[in-house]
Protein backbone atom coordinates (compact mmCIF):
# COMPACT_ATOMS: atom_id res chain seq x y z
CA UNK A 1 -90.10 14.14 44.21
CA UNK A 2 -90.95 10.45 43.99
CA UNK A 3 -90.87 8.01 41.04
CA UNK A 4 -93.18 5.08 40.67
CA UNK A 5 -91.79 2.61 38.11
CA UNK A 6 -94.00 -0.24 36.91
CA UNK A 7 -92.73 -2.89 34.50
CA UNK A 8 -95.38 -4.75 32.47
CA UNK A 9 -95.79 -7.22 29.63
CA UNK A 10 -98.67 -7.12 27.17
CA UNK A 11 -100.14 -10.31 25.70
CA UNK A 12 -99.11 -11.02 22.13
CA UNK A 13 -101.16 -9.05 19.62
CA UNK A 14 -102.73 -6.69 22.17
CA UNK A 15 -100.41 -3.70 21.75
CA UNK A 16 -102.64 -1.69 19.37
CA UNK A 17 -105.80 -2.19 21.48
CA UNK A 18 -103.89 -1.30 24.67
CA UNK A 19 -102.64 1.92 23.01
CA UNK A 20 -106.26 2.89 22.22
CA UNK A 21 -107.30 2.29 25.82
CA UNK A 22 -104.28 4.23 27.08
CA UNK A 23 -105.36 7.26 25.06
CA UNK A 24 -108.90 6.90 26.40
CA UNK A 25 -107.59 6.90 29.97
CA UNK A 26 -105.26 9.89 29.53
CA UNK A 27 -107.54 12.22 31.40
CA UNK A 28 -107.80 9.91 34.41
CA UNK A 29 -104.06 9.33 34.47
CA UNK A 30 -103.19 13.00 34.26
CA UNK A 31 -105.72 13.84 36.96
CA UNK A 32 -103.91 11.75 39.61
CA UNK A 33 -103.09 13.97 42.56
CA UNK A 34 -99.54 15.24 42.58
CA UNK A 35 -98.58 13.74 39.20
CA UNK A 36 -95.87 15.81 37.56
CA UNK A 37 -94.88 13.57 34.63
CA UNK A 38 -96.11 10.31 33.07
CA UNK A 39 -93.92 8.31 30.70
CA UNK A 40 -95.01 5.01 29.19
CA UNK A 41 -92.40 3.04 27.21
CA UNK A 42 -93.12 -0.15 25.28
CA UNK A 43 -91.09 -2.35 22.94
CA UNK A 44 -92.59 -4.14 19.89
CA UNK A 45 -92.79 -7.36 21.95
CA UNK A 46 -95.18 -5.70 24.44
CA UNK A 47 -92.67 -5.38 27.25
CA UNK A 48 -92.59 -1.94 28.81
CA UNK A 49 -92.60 0.26 31.85
CA UNK A 50 -94.44 3.26 33.19
CA UNK A 51 -92.49 5.96 34.98
CA UNK A 52 -94.62 8.36 36.99
CA UNK A 53 -93.03 11.32 38.68
CA UNK A 54 -95.13 12.40 41.63
CA UNK A 55 -94.80 15.34 43.98
CA UNK A 56 -94.22 13.05 46.99
CA UNK A 57 -94.28 9.44 48.10
CA UNK A 58 -97.33 10.21 50.23
CA UNK A 59 -99.28 11.45 47.22
CA UNK A 60 -98.13 8.50 45.18
CA UNK A 61 -99.29 6.09 47.87
CA UNK A 62 -102.59 7.90 48.21
CA UNK A 63 -103.13 7.30 44.47
CA UNK A 64 -102.55 3.53 44.79
CA UNK A 65 -106.22 2.53 44.67
CA UNK A 66 -106.91 4.73 41.61
CA UNK A 67 -103.75 3.50 39.88
CA UNK A 68 -104.73 -0.15 40.52
CA UNK A 69 -108.17 0.55 39.03
CA UNK A 70 -106.54 2.03 35.91
CA UNK A 71 -104.26 -1.01 35.54
CA UNK A 72 -107.32 -3.18 36.02
CA UNK A 73 -108.80 -1.80 32.82
CA UNK A 74 -105.79 -3.28 30.99
CA UNK A 75 -106.35 -6.78 32.50
CA UNK A 76 -107.43 -8.30 29.19
CA UNK A 77 -104.22 -7.09 27.55
CA UNK A 78 -101.65 -7.89 30.26
CA UNK A 79 -99.85 -11.20 30.72
CA UNK A 80 -100.11 -10.52 34.47
CA UNK A 81 -100.90 -7.58 36.72
CA UNK A 82 -97.77 -5.49 37.28
CA UNK A 83 -96.29 -4.59 40.65
CA UNK A 84 -95.08 -1.00 41.00
CA UNK A 85 -91.85 -0.02 42.69
CA UNK A 86 -91.14 3.34 44.25
CA UNK A 87 -87.95 5.41 44.41
CA UNK A 88 -86.85 8.81 45.71
CA UNK A 89 -85.79 10.92 42.75
CA UNK A 90 -82.20 12.00 43.26
CA UNK A 91 -81.69 13.60 39.81
CA UNK A 92 -84.13 14.81 37.19
CA UNK A 93 -82.00 16.54 34.57
CA UNK A 94 -83.01 18.08 31.31
CA UNK A 95 -80.65 19.74 28.81
């Protein structure tokens, strides 16, 4: 399993509009090949991160163009385009 973690910062006052867009894009996000889990965390100040658990690094990399296009739809709401980081998952525990 592979994790793609992307930190971002929304422009002031854009949180609510970004949340509406996120909900509209849910189908596209969940349709990404190999996606096993999608978590989006955001503080009141608009700082946040997306954690995507993907079947493999190869599938995550193959999704890069689609993911970039999805982030592009948030361009009006972001302070700057985020840069994703990737990690091998070494533990994924649930109680």
